[in-house]
């Protein structure tokens, strides 16, 4: 199908159908605007993600007409932090939910289509270039689409020519794997997210719909190379961390191999004065231990939609987004750097002793500010 032949120029083009792209499409289409969304995958698929929906994320989803509980999301009320033989627990300052990206992304794309967005799947954008006062998306196969306004929502993967600059914490590799735990370990993990520290990285384990367990972690690439790969890394984690080792006794992997992603620019906040509108991970990449990545995806999409509908420029959008997120991003990145460092590991026992009082405060101070939610 020749996508460029149907119309010379379309009003709004979204490149990427993940959380941010779909939320933006919903907002613009619900406001009566013509929107085209291009998604390279042809069917639902898994993505590297902690799959943690904070209070803010749940609020944005319900505003968009998507109820994660109806999709099978499970509640999370406790957070546990473990290192070697130690573990401490504290209540979250809010009730969170946990839901797979496989289910959530598909629900959002369907919602966008229901609002009238033209969702085109199996379409790969290889480049996005200025075309006079418009934009041209160059598609695999030699075709192209011209759009008045373009939004970049390609998630963790950069589009050629629009790479994100390395930021305060780089050199980490992310892994994700779904598991079926033993019945006793499912019961022990229920309504909790368990964060664990290990040499060169950290991760989390929580239940999603169907009582599958999502194991997601980041590790320094140098540490991964030294160990030799994923199997050796997993064996090291289970031997080094007593709590994680206990949870994973008798666990069965639900996939043949884990998902992986590299070149994660934690601490990144977009600030280009010109170019396409960046949303989601193309706009801001917060360290995953905060559990705020999905909230930021929804917030950036909602803010971009509002400002675009008001006739504002991408520059004004970046300025406001940075003002809203920079404080929490800086704190989260500093903590993330400490968590993967040797000194941070040495201080872990002391940090664990303070955890019950400190962790809820960290959770609140790395979230999207309440006033920002009220204006989006």
Foldseek 3Di string as FASTA:
>chain_A
DQPCVVDVAAAEEEEAQALLSLLLLLLQLLVVGAYEYEHQAPAQDFDFAPQKADPLNQVLCVVSVHHVVVVQWAKAFKEWEFFQEDIDIATAPGIITGATSSSVSVVSNVSSVVSPYHYHYNWAFQDWDDDPQWIWTATPPGHIHIYNAYEYEHAQDDHPPQDFDAADDFQKKKKKFKKQWDPVLLVVQGNYKYKYFDAFWIWIWHATGPRIIMTMMMGGNVVQVVQPHDVSVVVRVLVRIVVVVVRCVVMDTPDPGIDMDHGQRQLTADADQDDHQYAQSSGHHHDNVLVARSSRRSLLSVLVSVCVVVVHHSNVSSVVSCVQQNQLSVVRSVVRVLRNDPVSSVCVVVCNVVPRPPVNVNSVSNHGDPVSSVVD
